[in-house]
Amino acid sequence: MIENIEVSGSNYKVEPALVKYVEKRIGKLDKHIPRDNRKDIVAKIVVTEVNREHGNKYEISASLDIPGGKVIAAKDEASNVFAGVDLLEAKLDGQIRRFKTEVSNRNEKGIFARFRKK
């Protein structure tokens, strides 16, 4: 689980139920991150309430700071905060999977890769 998750609101009061839901959904994304980068991940979630003519909407943005200078970010808009968190989770999941394949392709593969000199 990602332990450093900061949830804040702009024009929105963050409820404990939302914080718990974000920790559950975004916290489990670390299973797709390479093991050496898992310890020091910082997730920042910002919820902004936007008043529209047809009703209120919520803009939810997330950024994951991965050690080594990599930042994975996503932003979405939904009429329900919890649905927006689900959409963000799907976006972040895809980006993290691409990051993982990018990092793993850099490493040599094969049975004797650990014995080769680099």
PDB file of N, CA and C in Angstrom:
ATOM      1  N   MET A   1       0.836  -1.188   0.000  1.00  0.00           N
ATOM      2  CA  MET A   1       0.000   0.000   0.000  1.00  0.00           C
ATOM      3  C   MET A   1       0.880   1.250   0.000  1.00  0.00           C
ATOM      4  N   ILE A   2       0.433   2.240  -0.740  1.00  0.00           N
ATOM      5  CA  ILE A   2       1.105   3.530  -0.722  1.00  0.00           C
ATOM      6  C   ILE A   2       0.725   4.201   0.598  1.00  0.00           C
ATOM      7  N   GLU A   3       1.725   4.551   1.380  1.00  0.00           N
ATOM      8  CA  GLU A   3       1.461   5.056   2.716  1.00  0.00           C
ATOM      9  C   GLU A   3       1.345   6.570   2.774  1.00  0.00           C
ATOM     10  N   ASN A   4       2.042   7.273   1.894  1.00  0.00           N
ATOM     11  CA  ASN A   4       2.023   8.735   1.909  1.00  0.00           C
ATOM     12  C   ASN A   4       0.999   9.243   0.900  1.00  0.00           C
ATOM     13  N   ILE A   5      -0.246   9.361   1.325  1.00  0.00           N
ATOM     14  CA  ILE A   5      -1.312   9.865   0.469  1.00  0.00           C
ATOM     15  C   ILE A   5      -1.868  11.130   1.100  1.00  0.00           C
ATOM     16  N   GLU A   6      -1.784  12.240   0.364  1.00  0.00           N
ATOM     17  CA  GLU A   6      -2.279  13.520   0.837  1.00  0.00           C
ATOM     18  C   GLU A   6      -3.532  13.867   0.041  1.00  0.00           C
ATOM     19  N   VAL A   7      -4.654  14.037   0.720  1.00  0.00           N
ATOM     20  CA  VAL A   7      -5.914  14.396   0.070  1.00  0.00           C
ATOM     21  C   VAL A   7      -6.278  15.800   0.532  1.00  0.00           C
ATOM     22  N   SER A   8      -6.463  16.701  -0.434  1.00  0.00           N
ATOM     23  CA  SER A   8      -6.833  18.068  -0.088  1.00  0.00           C
ATOM     24  C   SER A   8      -7.971  18.527  -0.989  1.00  0.00           C
ATOM     25  N   GLY A   9      -8.630  19.601  -0.583  1.00  0.00           N
ATOM     26  CA  GLY A   9      -9.757  20.107  -1.345  1.00  0.00           C
ATOM     27  C   GLY A   9      -9.634  21.589  -1.601  1.00  0.00           C
ATOM     28  N   SER A  10     -10.113  21.992  -2.766  1.00  0.00           N
ATOM     29  CA  SER A  10     -10.174  23.396  -3.125  1.00  0.00           C
ATOM     30  C   SER A  10     -11.649  23.697  -3.390  1.00  0.00           C
ATOM     31  N   ASN A  11     -12.240  24.552  -2.577  1.00  0.00           N
ATOM     32  CA  ASN A  11     -13.683  24.801  -2.600  1.00  0.00           C
ATOM     33  C   ASN A  11     -14.471  23.542  -2.261  1.00  0.00           C
ATOM     34  N   TYR A  12     -13.851  22.632  -1.547  1.00  0.00           N
ATOM     35  CA  TYR A  12     -14.488  21.369  -1.185  1.00  0.00           C
ATOM     36  C   TYR A  12     -13.957  20.923   0.162  1.00  0.00           C
ATOM     37  N   LYS A  13     -14.853  20.547   1.058  1.00  0.00           N
ATOM     38  CA  LYS A  13     -14.451  20.039   2.364  1.00  0.00           C
ATOM     39  C   LYS A  13     -14.252  18.534   2.252  1.00  0.00           C
ATOM     40  N   VAL A  14     -13.057  18.081   2.518  1.00  0.00           N
ATOM     41  CA  VAL A  14     -12.709  16.659   2.399  1.00  0.00           C
ATOM     42  C   VAL A  14     -13.283  15.903   3.592  1.00  0.00           C
ATOM     43  N   GLU A  15     -14.053  14.882   3.293  1.00  0.00           N
ATOM     44  CA  GLU A  15     -14.685  14.070   4.322  1.00  0.00           C
ATOM     45  C   GLU A  15     -13.816  12.854   4.637  1.00  0.00           C
ATOM     46  N   PRO A  16     -13.922  12.332   5.869  1.00  0.00           N
ATOM     47  CA  PRO A  16     -13.149  11.134   6.225  1.00  0.00           C
ATOM     48  C   PRO A  16     -13.482   9.924   5.350  1.00  0.00           C
ATOM     49  N   ALA A  17     -14.720   9.819   4.889  1.00  0.00           N
ATOM     50  CA  ALA A  17     -15.105   8.700   4.028  1.00  0.00           C
ATOM     51  C   ALA A  17     -14.361   8.766   2.697  1.00  0.00           C
ATOM     52  N   LEU A  18     -14.169   9.973   2.177  1.00  0.00           N
ATOM     53  CA  LEU A  18     -13.436  10.139   0.925  1.00  0.00           C
ATOM     54  C   LEU A  18     -11.968   9.781   1.112  1.00  0.00           C
ATOM     55  N   VAL A  19     -11.394  10.205   2.226  1.00  0.00           N
ATOM     56  CA  VAL A  19      -9.987   9.893   2.495  1.00  0.00           C
ATOM     57  C   VAL A  19      -9.793   8.379   2.579  1.00  0.00           C
ATOM     58  N   LYS A  20     -10.689   7.710   3.254  1.00  0.00           N
ATOM     59  CA  LYS A  20     -10.608   6.253   3.382  1.00  0.00           C
ATOM     60  C   LYS A  20     -10.745   5.582   2.017  1.00  0.00           C
ATOM     61  N   TYR A  21     -11.660   6.070   1.192  1.00  0.00           N
ATOM     62  CA  TYR A  21     -11.879   5.499  -0.136  1.00  0.00           C
ATOM     63  C   TYR A  21     -10.659   5.712  -1.037  1.00  0.00           C
ATOM     64  N   VAL A  22     -10.067   6.907  -0.976  1.00  0.00           N
ATOM     65  CA  VAL A  22      -8.870   7.202  -1.768  1.00  0.00           C
ATOM     66  C   VAL A  22      -7.714   6.319  -1.327  1.00  0.00           C
ATOM     67  N   GLU A  23      -7.534   6.140  -0.026  1.00  0.00           N
ATOM     68  CA  GLU A  23      -6.463   5.285   0.466  1.00  0.00           C
ATOM     69  C   GLU A  23      -6.650   3.848  -0.009  1.00  0.00           C
ATOM     70  N   LYS A  24      -7.887   3.408  -0.087  1.00  0.00           N
ATOM     71  CA  LYS A  24      -8.165   2.043  -0.533  1.00  0.00           C
ATOM     72  C   LYS A  24      -7.882   1.885  -2.028  1.00  0.00           C
ATOM     73  N   ARG A  25      -8.376   2.811  -2.845  1.00  0.00           N
ATOM     74  CA  ARG A  25      -8.280   2.682  -4.302  1.00  0.00           C
ATOM     75  C   ARG A  25      -6.893   3.048  -4.834  1.00  0.00           C
ATOM     76  N   ILE A  26      -6.356   4.168  -4.418  1.00  0.00           N
ATOM     77  CA  ILE A  26      -5.060   4.625  -4.925  1.00  0.00           C
ATOM     78  C   ILE A  26      -3.929   3.886  -4.222  1.00  0.00           C
ATOM     79  N   GLY A  27      -4.139   3.491  -2.980  1.00  0.00           N
ATOM     80  CA  GLY A  27      -3.102   2.804  -2.217  1.00  0.00           C
ATOM     81  C   GLY A  27      -2.696   1.472  -2.799  1.00  0.00           C
ATOM     82  N   LYS A  28      -3.594   0.813  -3.502  1.00  0.00           N
ATOM     83  CA  LYS A  28      -3.270  -0.507  -4.040  1.00  0.00           C
ATOM     84  C   LYS A  28      -2.534  -0.457  -5.374  1.00  0.00           C
ATOM     85  N   LEU A  29      -2.275   0.727  -5.902  1.00  0.00           N
ATOM     86  CA  LEU A  29      -1.569   0.846  -7.176  1.00  0.00           C
ATOM     87  C   LEU A  29      -0.087   0.510  -7.073  1.00  0.00           C
ATOM     88  N   ASP A  30       0.431   0.398  -5.868  1.00  0.00           N
ATOM     89  CA  ASP A  30       1.860   0.113  -5.730  1.00  0.00           C
ATOM     90  C   ASP A  30       2.234  -1.286  -6.185  1.00  0.00           C
ATOM     91  N   LYS A  31       1.266  -2.164  -6.379  1.00  0.00           N
ATOM     92  CA  LYS A  31       1.602  -3.514  -6.830  1.00  0.00           C
ATOM     93  C   LYS A  31       2.136  -3.511  -8.256  1.00  0.00           C
ATOM     94  N   HIS A  32       1.892  -2.437  -9.005  1.00  0.00           N
ATOM     95  CA  HIS A  32       2.394  -2.336 -10.369  1.00  0.00           C
ATOM     96  C   HIS A  32       3.705  -1.575 -10.468  1.00  0.00           C
ATOM     97  N   ILE A  33       4.168  -1.018  -9.362  1.00  0.00           N
ATOM     98  CA  ILE A  33       5.397  -0.234  -9.356  1.00  0.00           C
ATOM     99  C   ILE A  33       6.557  -1.158  -9.010  1.00  0.00           C
ATOM    100  N   PRO A  34       7.699  -1.009  -9.676  1.00  0.00           N
ATOM    101  CA  PRO A  34       8.858  -1.844  -9.346  1.00  0.00           C
ATOM    102  C   PRO A  34       9.212  -1.760  -7.867  1.00  0.00           C
ATOM    103  N   ARG A  35       9.670  -2.867  -7.328  1.00  0.00           N
ATOM    104  CA  ARG A  35       9.883  -2.976  -5.873  1.00  0.00           C
ATOM    105  C   ARG A  35      10.868  -1.963  -5.312  1.00  0.00           C
ATOM    106  N   ASP A  36      11.901  -1.633  -6.074  1.00  0.00           N
ATOM    107  CA  ASP A  36      12.890  -0.709  -5.534  1.00  0.00           C
ATOM    108  C   ASP A  36      12.351   0.725  -5.434  1.00  0.00           C
ATOM    109  N   ASN A  37      11.225   1.018  -6.074  1.00  0.00           N
ATOM    110  CA  ASN A  37      10.649   2.365  -6.025  1.00  0.00           C
ATOM    111  C   ASN A  37       9.433   2.476  -5.106  1.00  0.00           C
ATOM    112  N   ARG A  38       9.022   1.407  -4.476  1.00  0.00           N
ATOM    113  CA  ARG A  38       7.775   1.394  -3.706  1.00  0.00           C
ATOM    114  C   ARG A  38       7.831   2.162  -2.399  1.00  0.00           C
ATOM    115  N   LYS A  39       8.970   2.205  -1.757  1.00  0.00           N
ATOM    116  CA  LYS A  39       9.042   2.729  -0.399  1.00  0.00           C
ATOM    117  C   LYS A  39       8.673   4.203  -0.275  1.00  0.00           C
ATOM    118  N   ASP A  40       9.182   5.013  -1.165  1.00  0.00           N
ATOM    119  CA  ASP A  40       9.109   6.460  -0.980  1.00  0.00           C
ATOM    120  C   ASP A  40       8.138   7.154  -1.924  1.00  0.00           C
ATOM    121  N   ILE A  41       7.089   6.491  -2.338  1.00  0.00           N
ATOM    122  CA  ILE A  41       6.114   7.099  -3.229  1.00  0.00           C
ATOM    123  C   ILE A  41       5.234   8.055  -2.438  1.00  0.00           C
ATOM    124  N   VAL A  42       4.980   9.233  -3.019  1.00  0.00           N
ATOM    125  CA  VAL A  42       4.093  10.213  -2.408  1.00  0.00           C
ATOM    126  C   VAL A  42       2.955  10.469  -3.387  1.00  0.00           C
ATOM    127  N   ALA A  43       1.725  10.280  -2.934  1.00  0.00           N
ATOM    128  CA  ALA A  43       0.547  10.515  -3.766  1.00  0.00           C
ATOM    129  C   ALA A  43      -0.166  11.762  -3.267  1.00  0.00           C
ATOM    130  N   LYS A  44      -0.496  12.660  -4.188  1.00  0.00           N
ATOM    131  CA  LYS A  44      -1.214  13.888  -3.846  1.00  0.00           C
ATOM    132  C   LYS A  44      -2.494  13.931  -4.656  1.00  0.00           C
ATOM    133  N   ILE A  45      -3.620  14.018  -3.961  1.00  0.00           N
ATOM    134  CA  ILE A  45      -4.935  14.063  -4.582  1.00  0.00           C
ATOM    135  C   ILE A  45      -5.574  15.411  -4.233  1.00  0.00           C
ATOM    136  N   VAL A  46      -6.043  16.133  -5.249  1.00  0.00           N
ATOM    137  CA  VAL A  46      -6.693  17.418  -5.027  1.00  0.00           C
ATOM    138  C   VAL A  46      -8.087  17.363  -5.645  1.00  0.00           C
ATOM    139  N   VAL A  47      -9.096  17.677  -4.829  1.00  0.00           N
ATOM    140  CA  VAL A  47     -10.486  17.697  -5.281  1.00  0.00           C
ATOM    141  C   VAL A  47     -10.938  19.156  -5.329  1.00  0.00           C
ATOM    142  N   THR A  48     -11.448  19.573  -6.500  1.00  0.00           N
ATOM    143  CA  THR A  48     -11.921  20.939  -6.686  1.00  0.00           C
ATOM    144  C   THR A  48     -13.387  20.904  -7.094  1.00  0.00           C
ATOM    145  N   GLU A  49     -14.205  21.649  -6.383  1.00  0.00           N
ATOM    146  CA  GLU A  49     -15.620  21.732  -6.738  1.00  0.00           C
ATOM    147  C   GLU A  49     -15.804  22.886  -7.713  1.00  0.00           C
ATOM    148  N   VAL A  50     -16.414  22.581  -8.857  1.00  0.00           N
ATOM    149  CA  VAL A  50     -16.637  23.584  -9.893  1.00  0.00           C
ATOM    150  C   VAL A  50     -18.138  23.773 -10.058  1.00  0.00           C
ATOM    151  N   ASN A  51     -18.605  24.997  -9.904  1.00  0.00           N
ATOM    152  CA  ASN A  51     -20.031  25.281 -10.070  1.00  0.00           C
ATOM    153  C   ASN A  51     -20.310  25.525 -11.544  1.00  0.00           C
ATOM    154  N   ARG A  52     -21.189  24.715 -12.096  1.00  0.00           N
ATOM    155  CA  ARG A  52     -21.578  24.836 -13.503  1.00  0.00           C
ATOM    156  C   ARG A  52     -23.056  25.176 -13.578  1.00  0.00           C
ATOM    157  N   GLU A  53     -23.499  25.550 -14.769  1.00  0.00           N
ATOM    158  CA  GLU A  53     -24.909  25.892 -14.961  1.00  0.00           C
ATOM    159  C   GLU A  53     -25.815  24.685 -14.731  1.00  0.00           C
ATOM    160  N   HIS A  54     -25.353  23.516 -15.103  1.00  0.00           N
ATOM    161  CA  HIS A  54     -26.167  22.307 -15.012  1.00  0.00           C
ATOM    162  C   HIS A  54     -26.003  21.577 -13.680  1.00  0.00           C
ATOM    163  N   GLY A  55     -25.208  22.105 -12.799  1.00  0.00           N
ATOM    164  CA  GLY A  55     -24.986  21.471 -11.505  1.00  0.00           C
ATOM    165  C   GLY A  55     -23.506  21.447 -11.163  1.00  0.00           C
ATOM    166  N   ASN A  56     -23.193  21.029  -9.987  1.00  0.00           N
ATOM    167  CA  ASN A  56     -21.809  20.984  -9.544  1.00  0.00           C
ATOM    168  C   ASN A  56     -21.084  19.796 -10.149  1.00  0.00           C
ATOM    169  N   LYS A  57     -19.828  20.022 -10.458  1.00  0.00           N
ATOM    170  CA  LYS A  57     -18.950  18.944 -10.906  1.00  0.00           C
ATOM    171  C   LYS A  57     -17.693  19.023 -10.061  1.00  0.00           C
ATOM    172  N   TYR A  58     -16.973  17.937 -10.070  1.00  0.00           N
ATOM    173  CA  TYR A  58     -15.749  17.859  -9.290  1.00  0.00           C
ATOM    174  C   TYR A  58     -14.586  17.528 -10.205  1.00  0.00           C
ATOM    175  N   GLU A  59     -13.551  18.341 -10.129  1.00  0.00           N
ATOM    176  CA  GLU A  59     -12.308  18.050 -10.840  1.00  0.00           C
ATOM    177  C   GLU A  59     -11.367  17.399  -9.840  1.00  0.00           C
ATOM    178  N   ILE A  60     -10.902  16.236 -10.187  1.00  0.00           N
ATOM    179  CA  ILE A  60     -10.007  15.509  -9.300  1.00  0.00           C
ATOM    180  C   ILE A  60      -8.694  15.306 -10.031  1.00  0.00           C
ATOM    181  N   SER A  61      -7.618  15.721  -9.409  1.00  0.00           N
ATOM    182  CA  SER A  61      -6.307  15.531 -10.015  1.00  0.00           C
ATOM    183  C   SER A  61      -5.422  14.773  -9.042  1.00  0.00           C
ATOM    184  N   ALA A  62      -4.572  13.943  -9.602  1.00  0.00           N
ATOM    185  CA  ALA A  62      -3.677  13.124  -8.785  1.00  0.00           C
ATOM    186  C   ALA A  62      -2.286  13.150  -9.376  1.00  0.00           C
ATOM    187  N   SER A  63      -1.296  13.092  -8.509  1.00  0.00           N
ATOM    188  CA  SER A  63       0.084  12.961  -8.958  1.00  0.00           C
ATOM    189  C   SER A  63       0.809  12.014  -8.020  1.00  0.00           C
ATOM    190  N   LEU A  64       1.550  11.113  -8.616  1.00  0.00           N
ATOM    191  CA  LEU A  64       2.376  10.169  -7.869  1.00  0.00           C
ATOM    192  C   LEU A  64       3.829  10.532  -8.103  1.00  0.00           C
ATOM    193  N   ASP A  65       4.531  10.874  -7.040  1.00  0.00           N
ATOM    194  CA  ASP A  65       5.953  11.187  -7.129  1.00  0.00           C
ATOM    195  C   ASP A  65       6.737   9.927  -6.842  1.00  0.00           C
ATOM    196  N   ILE A  66       7.360   9.387  -7.880  1.00  0.00           N
ATOM    197  CA  ILE A  66       8.132   8.159  -7.752  1.00  0.00           C
ATOM    198  C   ILE A  66       9.596   8.546  -7.619  1.00  0.00           C
ATOM    199  N   PRO A  67      10.343   7.931  -6.710  1.00  0.00           N
ATOM    200  CA  PRO A  67      11.755   8.259  -6.550  1.00  0.00           C
ATOM    201  C   PRO A  67      12.503   8.129  -7.866  1.00  0.00           C
ATOM    202  N   GLY A  68      13.440   9.014  -8.065  1.00  0.00           N
ATOM    203  CA  GLY A  68      14.187   9.014  -9.305  1.00  0.00           C
ATOM    204  C   GLY A  68      13.732  10.124 -10.233  1.00  0.00           C
ATOM    205  N   GLY A  69      12.820  10.980  -9.746  1.00  0.00           N
ATOM    206  CA  GLY A  69      12.393  12.114 -10.525  1.00  0.00           C
ATOM    207  C   GLY A  69      11.212  11.877 -11.440  1.00  0.00           C
ATOM    208  N   LYS A  70      10.571  10.744 -11.372  1.00  0.00           N
ATOM    209  CA  LYS A  70       9.427  10.446 -12.238  1.00  0.00           C
ATOM    210  C   LYS A  70       8.143  10.881 -11.539  1.00  0.00           C
ATOM    211  N   VAL A  71       7.286  11.600 -12.263  1.00  0.00           N
ATOM    212  CA  VAL A  71       5.988  12.016 -11.753  1.00  0.00           C
ATOM    213  C   VAL A  71       4.922  11.490 -12.700  1.00  0.00           C
ATOM    214  N   ILE A  72       3.959  10.783 -12.148  1.00  0.00           N
ATOM    215  CA  ILE A  72       2.838  10.271 -12.921  1.00  0.00           C
ATOM    216  C   ILE A  72       1.611  11.053 -12.470  1.00  0.00           C
ATOM    217  N   ALA A  73       0.937  11.700 -13.436  1.00  0.00           N
ATOM    218  CA  ALA A  73      -0.189  12.565 -13.096  1.00  0.00           C
ATOM    219  C   ALA A  73      -1.399  12.247 -13.950  1.00  0.00           C
ATOM    220  N   ALA A  74      -2.577  12.509 -13.386  1.00  0.00           N
ATOM    221  CA  ALA A  74      -3.829  12.324 -14.109  1.00  0.00           C
ATOM    222  C   ALA A  74      -4.845  13.320 -13.563  1.00  0.00           C
ATOM    223  N   LYS A  75      -5.797  13.680 -14.425  1.00  0.00           N
ATOM    224  CA  LYS A  75      -6.826  14.641 -14.036  1.00  0.00           C
ATOM    225  C   LYS A  75      -8.120  14.229 -14.712  1.00  0.00           C
ATOM    226  N   ASP A  76      -9.232  14.326 -13.973  1.00  0.00           N
ATOM    227  CA  ASP A  76     -10.521  13.963 -14.539  1.00  0.00           C
ATOM    228  C   ASP A  76     -11.615  14.780 -13.880  1.00  0.00           C
ATOM    229  N   GLU A  77     -12.777  14.759 -14.507  1.00  0.00           N
ATOM    230  CA  GLU A  77     -13.917  15.505 -14.025  1.00  0.00           C
ATOM    231  C   GLU A  77     -15.108  14.565 -13.950  1.00  0.00           C
ATOM    232  N   ALA A  78     -15.856  14.654 -12.857  1.00  0.00           N
ATOM    233  CA  ALA A  78     -17.025  13.778 -12.678  1.00  0.00           C
ATOM    234  C   ALA A  78     -18.072  14.504 -11.836  1.00  0.00           C
ATOM    235  N   SER A  79     -19.287  13.992 -11.892  1.00  0.00           N
ATOM    236  CA  SER A  79     -20.357  14.592 -11.102  1.00  0.00           C
ATOM    237  C   SER A  79     -20.375  14.039  -9.681  1.00  0.00           C
ATOM    238  N   ASN A  80     -19.657  12.946  -9.452  1.00  0.00           N
ATOM    239  CA  ASN A  80     -19.570  12.325  -8.141  1.00  0.00           C
ATOM    240  C   ASN A  80     -18.088  12.159  -7.799  1.00  0.00           C
ATOM    241  N   VAL A  81     -17.699  12.518  -6.599  1.00  0.00           N
ATOM    242  CA  VAL A  81     -16.293  12.457  -6.207  1.00  0.00           C
ATOM    243  C   VAL A  81     -15.770  11.022  -6.231  1.00  0.00           C
ATOM    244  N   PHE A  82     -16.556  10.095  -5.755  1.00  0.00           N
ATOM    245  CA  PHE A  82     -16.112   8.707  -5.681  1.00  0.00           C
ATOM    246  C   PHE A  82     -15.946   8.112  -7.074  1.00  0.00           C
ATOM    247  N   ALA A  83     -16.835   8.472  -7.998  1.00  0.00           N
ATOM    248  CA  ALA A  83     -16.701   8.000  -9.377  1.00  0.00           C
ATOM    249  C   ALA A  83     -15.452   8.595 -10.021  1.00  0.00           C
ATOM    250  N   GLY A  84     -15.150   9.835  -9.683  1.00  0.00           N
ATOM    251  CA  GLY A  84     -13.943  10.474 -10.193  1.00  0.00           C
ATOM    252  C   GLY A  84     -12.678   9.787  -9.716  1.00  0.00           C
ATOM    253  N   VAL A  85     -12.690   9.336  -8.478  1.00  0.00           N
ATOM    254  CA  VAL A  85     -11.532   8.606  -7.940  1.00  0.00           C
ATOM    255  C   VAL A  85     -11.347   7.290  -8.697  1.00  0.00           C
ATOM    256  N   ASP A  86     -12.451   6.626  -9.024  1.00  0.00           N
ATOM    257  CA  ASP A  86     -12.367   5.382  -9.795  1.00  0.00           C
ATOM    258  C   ASP A  86     -11.769   5.631 -11.179  1.00  0.00           C
ATOM    259  N   LEU A  87     -12.191   6.713 -11.836  1.00  0.00           N
ATOM    260  CA  LEU A  87     -11.642   7.048 -13.146  1.00  0.00           C
ATOM    261  C   LEU A  87     -10.155   7.360 -13.057  1.00  0.00           C
ATOM    262  N   LEU A  88      -9.766   8.084 -12.017  1.00  0.00           N
ATOM    263  CA  LEU A  88      -8.349   8.394 -11.825  1.00  0.00           C
ATOM    264  C   LEU A  88      -7.530   7.138 -11.588  1.00  0.00           C
ATOM    265  N   GLU A  89      -8.082   6.217 -10.837  1.00  0.00           N
ATOM    266  CA  GLU A  89      -7.368   4.974 -10.575  1.00  0.00           C
ATOM    267  C   GLU A  89      -7.074   4.240 -11.878  1.00  0.00           C
ATOM    268  N   ALA A  90      -8.047   4.189 -12.772  1.00  0.00           N
ATOM    269  CA  ALA A  90      -7.850   3.504 -14.056  1.00  0.00           C
ATOM    270  C   ALA A  90      -6.790   4.206 -14.892  1.00  0.00           C
ATOM    271  N   LYS A  91      -6.799   5.521 -14.912  1.00  0.00           N
ATOM    272  CA  LYS A  91      -5.800   6.269 -15.675  1.00  0.00           C
ATOM    273  C   LYS A  91      -4.400   6.067 -15.113  1.00  0.00           C
ATOM    274  N   LEU A  92      -4.280   6.177 -13.801  1.00  0.00           N
ATOM    275  CA  LEU A  92      -2.979   6.000 -13.156  1.00  0.00           C
ATOM    276  C   LEU A  92      -2.469   4.579 -13.330  1.00  0.00           C
ATOM    277  N   ASP A  93      -3.362   3.607 -13.294  1.00  0.00           N
ATOM    278  CA  ASP A  93      -2.981   2.213 -13.466  1.00  0.00           C
ATOM    279  C   ASP A  93      -2.322   2.001 -14.826  1.00  0.00           C
ATOM    280  N   GLY A  94      -2.915   2.546 -15.873  1.00  0.00           N
ATOM    281  CA  GLY A  94      -2.339   2.407 -17.207  1.00  0.00           C
ATOM    282  C   GLY A  94      -0.984   3.077 -17.320  1.00  0.00           C
ATOM    283  N   GLN A  95      -0.853   4.255 -16.729  1.00  0.00           N
ATOM    284  CA  GLN A  95       0.419   4.961 -16.790  1.00  0.00           C
ATOM    285  C   GLN A  95       1.507   4.233 -15.999  1.00  0.00           C
ATOM    286  N   ILE A  96       1.130   3.666 -14.861  1.00  0.00           N
ATOM    287  CA  ILE A  96       2.105   2.930 -14.046  1.00  0.00           C
ATOM    288  C   ILE A  96       2.549   1.663 -14.766  1.00  0.00           C
ATOM    289  N   ARG A  97       1.633   0.986 -15.434  1.00  0.00           N
ATOM    290  CA  ARG A  97       2.004  -0.218 -16.194  1.00  0.00           C
ATOM    291  C   ARG A  97       2.995   0.119 -17.301  1.00  0.00           C
ATOM    292  N   ARG A  98       2.763   1.245 -17.999  1.00  0.00           N
ATOM    293  CA  ARG A  98       3.713   1.666 -19.036  1.00  0.00           C
ATOM    294  C   ARG A  98       5.068   1.994 -18.421  1.00  0.00           C
ATOM    295  N   PHE A  99       5.060   2.653 -17.267  1.00  0.00           N
ATOM    296  CA  PHE A  99       6.310   2.976 -16.581  1.00  0.00           C
ATOM    297  C   PHE A  99       7.057   1.709 -16.198  1.00  0.00           C
ATOM    298  N   LYS A 100       6.320   0.716 -15.712  1.00  0.00           N
ATOM    299  CA  LYS A 100       6.952  -0.528 -15.286  1.00  0.00           C
ATOM    300  C   LYS A 100       7.589  -1.251 -16.471  1.00  0.00           C
ATOM    301  N   THR A 101       6.902  -1.318 -17.613  1.00  0.00           N
ATOM    302  CA  THR A 101       7.488  -1.981 -18.779  1.00  0.00           C
ATOM    303  C   THR A 101       8.676  -1.192 -19.309  1.00  0.00           C
ATOM    304  N   GLU A 102       8.604   0.129 -19.205  1.00  0.00           N
ATOM    305  CA  GLU A 102       9.716   0.972 -19.623  1.00  0.00           C
ATOM    306  C   GLU A 102      10.955   0.681 -18.784  1.00  0.00           C
ATOM    307  N   VAL A 103      10.771   0.574 -17.480  1.00  0.00           N
ATOM    308  CA  VAL A 103      11.891   0.320 -16.569  1.00  0.00           C
ATOM    309  C   VAL A 103      12.400  -1.109 -16.727  1.00  0.00           C
ATOM    310  N   SER A 104      11.491  -2.069 -16.883  1.00  0.00           N
ATOM    311  CA  SER A 104      11.925  -3.461 -16.977  1.00  0.00           C
ATOM    312  C   SER A 104      12.598  -3.755 -18.317  1.00  0.00           C
ATOM    313  N   ASN A 105      12.277  -3.017 -19.363  1.00  0.00           N
ATOM    314  CA  ASN A 105      12.933  -3.230 -20.650  1.00  0.00           C
ATOM    315  C   ASN A 105      14.370  -2.735 -20.642  1.00  0.00           C
ATOM    316  N   ARG A 106      14.700  -1.866 -19.724  1.00  0.00           N
ATOM    317  CA  ARG A 106      16.076  -1.382 -19.612  1.00  0.00           C
ATOM    318  C   ARG A 106      17.000  -2.465 -19.072  1.00  0.00           C
ATOM    319  N   ASN A 107      16.444  -3.324 -18.242  1.00  0.00           N
ATOM    320  CA  ASN A 107      17.246  -4.379 -17.631  1.00  0.00           C
ATOM    321  C   ASN A 107      17.433  -5.526 -18.613  1.00  0.00           C
ATOM    322  N   GLU A 108      18.568  -6.198 -18.506  1.00  0.00           N
ATOM    323  CA  GLU A 108      18.794  -7.356 -19.354  1.00  0.00           C
ATOM    324  C   GLU A 108      17.929  -8.505 -18.877  1.00  0.00           C
ATOM    325  N   LYS A 109      17.551  -9.344 -19.834  1.00  0.00           N
ATOM    326  CA  LYS A 109      16.728 -10.489 -19.487  1.00  0.00           C
ATOM    327  C   LYS A 109      17.473 -11.760 -19.866  1.00  0.00           C
ATOM    328  N   GLY A 110      17.047 -12.845 -19.310  1.00  0.00           N
ATOM    329  CA  GLY A 110      17.647 -14.130 -19.607  1.00  0.00           C
ATOM    330  C   GLY A 110      18.119 -14.815 -18.344  1.00  0.00           C
ATOM    331  N   ILE A 111      18.466 -16.065 -18.497  1.00  0.00           N
ATOM    332  CA  ILE A 111      18.862 -16.865 -17.347  1.00  0.00           C
ATOM    333  C   ILE A 111      20.164 -16.378 -16.736  1.00  0.00           C
ATOM    334  N   PHE A 112      21.125 -16.010 -17.578  1.00  0.00           N
ATOM    335  CA  PHE A 112      22.442 -15.654 -17.083  1.00  0.00           C
ATOM    336  C   PHE A 112      22.659 -14.132 -16.991  1.00  0.00           C
ATOM    337  N   ALA A 113      21.591 -13.367 -16.962  1.00  0.00           N
ATOM    338  CA  ALA A 113      21.713 -11.911 -16.946  1.00  0.00           C
ATOM    339  C   ALA A 113      22.420 -11.422 -15.684  1.00  0.00           C
ATOM    340  N   ARG A 114      22.214 -12.101 -14.578  1.00  0.00           N
ATOM    341  CA  ARG A 114      22.842 -11.636 -13.333  1.00  0.00           C
ATOM    342  C   ARG A 114      24.340 -11.923 -13.292  1.00  0.00           C
ATOM    343  N   PHE A 115      24.818 -12.805 -14.160  1.00  0.00           N
ATOM    344  CA  PHE A 115      26.239 -13.134 -14.170  1.00  0.00           C
ATOM    345  C   PHE A 115      27.019 -12.290 -15.172  1.00  0.00           C
ATOM    346  N   ARG A 116      26.335 -11.613 -16.069  1.00  0.00           N
ATOM    347  CA  ARG A 116      27.010 -10.788 -17.072  1.00  0.00           C
ATOM    348  C   ARG A 116      27.489  -9.508 -16.425  1.00  0.00           C
ATOM    349  N   LYS A 117      28.598  -9.039 -16.900  1.00  0.00           N
ATOM    350  CA  LYS A 117      29.114  -7.772 -16.394  1.00  0.00           C
ATOM    351  C   LYS A 117      28.490  -6.642 -17.190  1.00  0.00           C
ATOM    352  N   LYS A 118      28.190  -5.578 -16.501  1.00  0.00           N
ATOM    353  CA  LYS A 118      27.551  -4.440 -17.156  1.00  0.00           C
ATOM    354  C   LYS A 118      28.525  -3.337 -17.374  1.00  0.00           C
TER     355      LYS A 118
END
